[in-house]
Amino acid sequence: MDLVHLHLLLNHFPVIGTVFGVLVLAAAVFRRNDEWLKVGLALFVVSAAAAVVVYLTGEPAEHAVEGLAGISDAVIERHEEAALVSMVALGVFGVAALATLVSTRATRAPRWLGPVALALSLVPAALMGWTANLGGQIRHSEIRSAAAAPSASPLAGGVPRPERVR
């Protein structure tokens, strides 16, 4: 297994981990359950660690696909920029979650912590979803907007599209 395979293997985990983390935090808030709160925070810690690995393996994955027919450098760059923002946001939340878990390991978490963690967790979760959508557009042209699609060339097996005039 090389770094490209590692990127492809792990790239869904931060996205799915944050979604499950949000759901577990929501359940913890509504059930007022301290254990579920800690599980939700732990999901964000693990998701943040996975996001770092995914981000660091993104460059080799980029080199593996650039130059292939139908691959847009602009789409790759947008995904890479979004991935950095998402990784930082999830990393900050993950570090805060870890600090919270360590500081509350022998005690109950304050009652306000669940709602605040849930509200704040929506930011990295949304950013991860945005990044995943951009990443999917790299190889899945069917989800690209017309503006993001690479211009077709006869070498890529496509037909050039006329420019729209406004």
C-alpha atoms as a PDB file:
ATOM      1  CA  MET A   1       0.000   0.000   0.000  1.00  0.00           C
ATOM      2  CA  ASP A   2       1.306   3.420  -0.931  1.00  0.00           C
ATOM      3  CA  LEU A   3       0.312   6.934   0.143  1.00  0.00           C
ATOM      4  CA  VAL A   4      -2.247   7.263  -2.655  1.00  0.00           C
ATOM      5  CA  HIS A   5      -4.023   4.131  -1.460  1.00  0.00           C
ATOM      6  CA  LEU A   6      -3.859   5.364   2.128  1.00  0.00           C
ATOM      7  CA  HIS A   7      -5.482   8.656   1.056  1.00  0.00           C
ATOM      8  CA  LEU A   8      -8.268   6.828  -0.751  1.00  0.00           C
ATOM      9  CA  LEU A   9      -8.741   4.384   2.118  1.00  0.00           C
ATOM     10  CA  LEU A  10      -9.008   7.011   4.845  1.00  0.00           C
ATOM     11  CA  ASN A  11     -10.518  10.038   3.091  1.00  0.00           C
ATOM     12  CA  HIS A  12     -14.091   9.144   4.045  1.00  0.00           C
ATOM     13  CA  PHE A  13     -13.347   8.655   7.724  1.00  0.00           C
ATOM     14  CA  PRO A  14     -13.083  12.329   8.796  1.00  0.00           C
ATOM     15  CA  VAL A  15     -16.326  13.091   6.969  1.00  0.00           C
ATOM     16  CA  ILE A  16     -18.284  10.150   8.335  1.00  0.00           C
ATOM     17  CA  GLY A  17     -16.640  10.504  11.748  1.00  0.00           C
ATOM     18  CA  THR A  18     -17.766  14.108  12.064  1.00  0.00           C
ATOM     19  CA  VAL A  19     -21.315  13.246  11.004  1.00  0.00           C
ATOM     20  CA  PHE A  20     -21.499  10.470  13.580  1.00  0.00           C
ATOM     21  CA  GLY A  21     -19.823  12.750  16.114  1.00  0.00           C
ATOM     22  CA  VAL A  22     -22.517  15.391  15.592  1.00  0.00           C
ATOM     23  CA  LEU A  23     -25.263  12.768  15.881  1.00  0.00           C
ATOM     24  CA  VAL A  24     -23.800  11.317  19.079  1.00  0.00           C
ATOM     25  CA  LEU A  25     -23.349  14.804  20.566  1.00  0.00           C
ATOM     26  CA  ALA A  26     -26.970  15.627  19.661  1.00  0.00           C
ATOM     27  CA  ALA A  27     -28.160  12.427  21.336  1.00  0.00           C
ATOM     28  CA  ALA A  28     -26.026  13.254  24.380  1.00  0.00           C
ATOM     29  CA  VAL A  29     -27.576  16.703  24.651  1.00  0.00           C
ATOM     30  CA  PHE A  30     -31.151  15.505  24.260  1.00  0.00           C
ATOM     31  CA  ARG A  31     -30.659  12.562  26.631  1.00  0.00           C
ATOM     32  CA  ARG A  32     -28.418  14.532  29.002  1.00  0.00           C
ATOM     33  CA  ASN A  33     -25.987  11.642  28.919  1.00  0.00           C
ATOM     34  CA  ASP A  34     -22.384  12.349  29.964  1.00  0.00           C
ATOM     35  CA  GLU A  35     -21.022   9.086  28.539  1.00  0.00           C
ATOM     36  CA  TRP A  36     -22.474   9.785  25.109  1.00  0.00           C
ATOM     37  CA  LEU A  37     -21.003  13.266  25.253  1.00  0.00           C
ATOM     38  CA  LYS A  38     -17.568  11.779  25.847  1.00  0.00           C
ATOM     39  CA  VAL A  39     -18.038   9.255  23.025  1.00  0.00           C
ATOM     40  CA  GLY A  40     -19.025  12.075  20.664  1.00  0.00           C
ATOM     41  CA  LEU A  41     -15.965  14.076  21.648  1.00  0.00           C
ATOM     42  CA  ALA A  42     -13.769  10.996  21.191  1.00  0.00           C
ATOM     43  CA  LEU A  43     -15.138  10.578  17.657  1.00  0.00           C
ATOM     44  CA  PHE A  44     -13.951  14.089  16.884  1.00  0.00           C
ATOM     45  CA  VAL A  45     -10.494  13.367  18.315  1.00  0.00           C
ATOM     46  CA  VAL A  46     -10.106  10.286  16.108  1.00  0.00           C
ATOM     47  CA  SER A  47     -11.602  12.076  13.093  1.00  0.00           C
ATOM     48  CA  ALA A  48      -9.154  14.960  13.540  1.00  0.00           C
ATOM     49  CA  ALA A  49      -6.201  12.553  13.631  1.00  0.00           C
ATOM     50  CA  ALA A  50      -7.477  10.844  10.479  1.00  0.00           C
ATOM     51  CA  ALA A  51      -7.941  14.232   8.782  1.00  0.00           C
ATOM     52  CA  VAL A  52      -4.272  15.045   9.321  1.00  0.00           C
ATOM     53  CA  VAL A  53      -3.225  11.750   7.699  1.00  0.00           C
ATOM     54  CA  VAL A  54      -5.648  12.285   4.815  1.00  0.00           C
ATOM     55  CA  TYR A  55      -4.382  15.823   4.253  1.00  0.00           C
ATOM     56  CA  LEU A  56      -0.726  14.748   4.309  1.00  0.00           C
ATOM     57  CA  THR A  57      -1.392  11.985   1.768  1.00  0.00           C
ATOM     58  CA  GLY A  58      -3.333  14.335  -0.522  1.00  0.00           C
ATOM     59  CA  GLU A  59      -0.274  15.611  -2.400  1.00  0.00           C
ATOM     60  CA  PRO A  60       0.796  12.118  -3.574  1.00  0.00           C
ATOM     61  CA  ALA A  61      -2.827  11.451  -4.576  1.00  0.00           C
ATOM     62  CA  GLU A  62      -2.838  14.692  -6.568  1.00  0.00           C
ATOM     63  CA  HIS A  63       0.316  13.683  -8.427  1.00  0.00           C
ATOM     64  CA  ALA A  64      -1.240  10.310  -9.256  1.00  0.00           C
ATOM     65  CA  VAL A  65      -4.234  11.834 -11.044  1.00  0.00           C
ATOM     66  CA  GLU A  66      -2.965  15.096 -12.517  1.00  0.00           C
ATOM     67  CA  GLY A  67      -2.604  14.812 -16.243  1.00  0.00           C
ATOM     68  CA  LEU A  68      -5.268  12.111 -16.566  1.00  0.00           C
ATOM     69  CA  ALA A  69      -8.048  12.768 -19.051  1.00  0.00           C
ATOM     70  CA  GLY A  70     -10.986  14.587 -17.510  1.00  0.00           C
ATOM     71  CA  ILE A  71      -9.085  15.736 -14.432  1.00  0.00           C
ATOM     72  CA  SER A  72      -9.230  19.459 -13.722  1.00  0.00           C
ATOM     73  CA  ASP A  73      -6.335  21.160 -11.964  1.00  0.00           C
ATOM     74  CA  ALA A  74      -8.749  23.862 -10.802  1.00  0.00           C
ATOM     75  CA  VAL A  75     -10.992  21.296  -9.092  1.00  0.00           C
ATOM     76  CA  ILE A  76      -7.972  19.688  -7.419  1.00  0.00           C
ATOM     77  CA  GLU A  77      -6.756  23.074  -6.168  1.00  0.00           C
ATOM     78  CA  ARG A  78     -10.195  23.985  -4.767  1.00  0.00           C
ATOM     79  CA  HIS A  79     -10.311  20.634  -2.978  1.00  0.00           C
ATOM     80  CA  GLU A  80      -6.795  21.103  -1.602  1.00  0.00           C
ATOM     81  CA  GLU A  81      -7.584  24.594  -0.282  1.00  0.00           C
ATOM     82  CA  ALA A  82     -10.839  23.402   1.304  1.00  0.00           C
ATOM     83  CA  ALA A  83      -9.026  20.415   2.812  1.00  0.00           C
ATOM     84  CA  LEU A  84      -6.565  22.690   4.592  1.00  0.00           C
ATOM     85  CA  VAL A  85      -9.345  24.830   6.079  1.00  0.00           C
ATOM     86  CA  SER A  86     -11.318  21.731   7.076  1.00  0.00           C
ATOM     87  CA  MET A  87      -8.334  19.977   8.605  1.00  0.00           C
ATOM     88  CA  VAL A  88      -7.434  23.036  10.676  1.00  0.00           C
ATOM     89  CA  ALA A  89     -11.029  23.490  11.883  1.00  0.00           C
ATOM     90  CA  LEU A  90     -11.409  19.812  12.726  1.00  0.00           C
ATOM     91  CA  GLY A  91      -7.943  19.775  14.293  1.00  0.00           C
ATOM     92  CA  VAL A  92      -8.781  22.701  16.574  1.00  0.00           C
ATOM     93  CA  PHE A  93     -12.068  21.091  17.575  1.00  0.00           C
ATOM     94  CA  GLY A  94     -10.338  17.721  18.029  1.00  0.00           C
ATOM     95  CA  VAL A  95      -7.667  19.193  20.310  1.00  0.00           C
ATOM     96  CA  ALA A  96     -10.346  20.988  22.334  1.00  0.00           C
ATOM     97  CA  ALA A  97     -12.321  17.732  22.529  1.00  0.00           C
ATOM     98  CA  LEU A  98      -9.226  15.868  23.726  1.00  0.00           C
ATOM     99  CA  ALA A  99      -8.507  18.518  26.357  1.00  0.00           C
ATOM    100  CA  THR A 100     -12.114  18.284  27.512  1.00  0.00           C
ATOM    101  CA  LEU A 101     -11.947  14.499  27.714  1.00  0.00           C
ATOM    102  CA  VAL A 102      -8.745  14.649  29.754  1.00  0.00           C
ATOM    103  CA  SER A 103     -10.054  17.329  32.096  1.00  0.00           C
ATOM    104  CA  THR A 104     -13.369  15.545  32.697  1.00  0.00           C
ATOM    105  CA  ARG A 105     -12.115  11.948  32.801  1.00  0.00           C
ATOM    106  CA  ALA A 106     -12.888  11.535  36.504  1.00  0.00           C
ATOM    107  CA  THR A 107     -15.796  13.963  36.755  1.00  0.00           C
ATOM    108  CA  ARG A 108     -19.044  14.803  35.048  1.00  0.00           C
ATOM    109  CA  ALA A 109     -18.886  17.373  32.291  1.00  0.00           C
ATOM    110  CA  PRO A 110     -20.549  20.715  33.006  1.00  0.00           C
ATOM    111  CA  ARG A 111     -24.150  20.814  31.797  1.00  0.00           C
ATOM    112  CA  TRP A 112     -23.434  23.641  29.307  1.00  0.00           C
ATOM    113  CA  LEU A 113     -20.676  21.651  27.586  1.00  0.00           C
ATOM    114  CA  GLY A 114     -22.938  19.415  25.496  1.00  0.00           C
ATOM    115  CA  PRO A 115     -24.930  22.154  23.765  1.00  0.00           C
ATOM    116  CA  VAL A 116     -21.799  24.250  23.175  1.00  0.00           C
ATOM    117  CA  ALA A 117     -19.855  21.263  21.786  1.00  0.00           C
ATOM    118  CA  LEU A 118     -22.790  20.334  19.557  1.00  0.00           C
ATOM    119  CA  ALA A 119     -23.099  23.853  18.162  1.00  0.00           C
ATOM    120  CA  LEU A 120     -19.366  24.193  17.556  1.00  0.00           C
ATOM    121  CA  SER A 121     -19.104  20.699  16.022  1.00  0.00           C
ATOM    122  CA  LEU A 122     -21.334  21.788  13.151  1.00  0.00           C
ATOM    123  CA  VAL A 123     -18.523  23.966  11.768  1.00  0.00           C
ATOM    124  CA  PRO A 124     -15.936  21.218  11.119  1.00  0.00           C
ATOM    125  CA  ALA A 125     -18.700  18.830  10.034  1.00  0.00           C
ATOM    126  CA  ALA A 126     -19.966  21.277   7.407  1.00  0.00           C
ATOM    127  CA  LEU A 127     -16.426  22.027   6.249  1.00  0.00           C
ATOM    128  CA  MET A 128     -15.678  18.318   5.909  1.00  0.00           C
ATOM    129  CA  GLY A 129     -18.814  17.850   3.819  1.00  0.00           C
ATOM    130  CA  TRP A 130     -17.783  20.756   1.580  1.00  0.00           C
ATOM    131  CA  THR A 131     -14.290  19.314   1.183  1.00  0.00           C
ATOM    132  CA  ALA A 132     -15.624  15.840   0.429  1.00  0.00           C
ATOM    133  CA  ASN A 133     -17.914  17.222  -2.264  1.00  0.00           C
ATOM    134  CA  LEU A 134     -14.995  19.018  -3.902  1.00  0.00           C
ATOM    135  CA  GLY A 135     -12.879  15.874  -3.651  1.00  0.00           C
ATOM    136  CA  GLY A 136     -15.592  13.814  -5.288  1.00  0.00           C
ATOM    137  CA  GLN A 137     -15.667  16.242  -8.205  1.00  0.00           C
ATOM    138  CA  ILE A 138     -12.075  15.341  -9.072  1.00  0.00           C
ATOM    139  CA  ARG A 139     -13.037  11.936 -10.471  1.00  0.00           C
ATOM    140  CA  HIS A 140     -16.818  12.195 -10.682  1.00  0.00           C
ATOM    141  CA  SER A 141     -17.647  14.636 -13.437  1.00  0.00           C
ATOM    142  CA  GLU A 142     -21.355  13.954 -12.956  1.00  0.00           C
ATOM    143  CA  ILE A 143     -21.339  16.022  -9.733  1.00  0.00           C
ATOM    144  CA  ARG A 144     -19.324  18.934 -11.110  1.00  0.00           C
ATOM    145  CA  SER A 145     -21.044  22.174 -11.919  1.00  0.00           C
ATOM    146  CA  ALA A 146     -20.650  23.344 -15.488  1.00  0.00           C
ATOM    147  CA  ALA A 147     -18.239  26.064 -14.342  1.00  0.00           C
ATOM    148  CA  ALA A 148     -15.972  23.538 -12.598  1.00  0.00           C
ATOM    149  CA  ALA A 149     -15.901  21.010 -15.433  1.00  0.00           C
ATOM    150  CA  PRO A 150     -12.651  20.905 -17.380  1.00  0.00           C
ATOM    151  CA  SER A 151     -12.992  22.041 -20.945  1.00  0.00           C
ATOM    152  CA  ALA A 152     -13.318  19.014 -23.129  1.00  0.00           C
ATOM    153  CA  SER A 153     -10.608  18.387 -25.649  1.00  0.00           C
ATOM    154  CA  PRO A 154     -10.461  15.974 -28.556  1.00  0.00           C
ATOM    155  CA  LEU A 155      -7.526  14.253 -26.804  1.00  0.00           C
ATOM    156  CA  ALA A 156      -9.692  13.576 -23.755  1.00  0.00           C
ATOM    157  CA  GLY A 157     -12.410  12.099 -25.938  1.00  0.00           C
ATOM    158  CA  GLY A 158     -14.719  15.063 -25.472  1.00  0.00           C
ATOM    159  CA  VAL A 159     -16.243  17.595 -27.765  1.00  0.00           C
ATOM    160  CA  PRO A 160     -15.335  21.250 -27.276  1.00  0.00           C
ATOM    161  CA  ARG A 161     -18.243  23.306 -25.950  1.00  0.00           C
ATOM    162  CA  PRO A 162     -19.026  26.722 -27.396  1.00  0.00           C
ATOM    163  CA  GLU A 163     -18.612  29.624 -24.981  1.00  0.00           C
ATOM    164  CA  ARG A 164     -21.826  31.202 -23.676  1.00  0.00           C
ATOM    165  CA  VAL A 165     -22.124  34.847 -24.583  1.00  0.00           C
ATOM    166  CA  ARG A 166     -23.980  37.189 -22.241  1.00  0.00           C
END
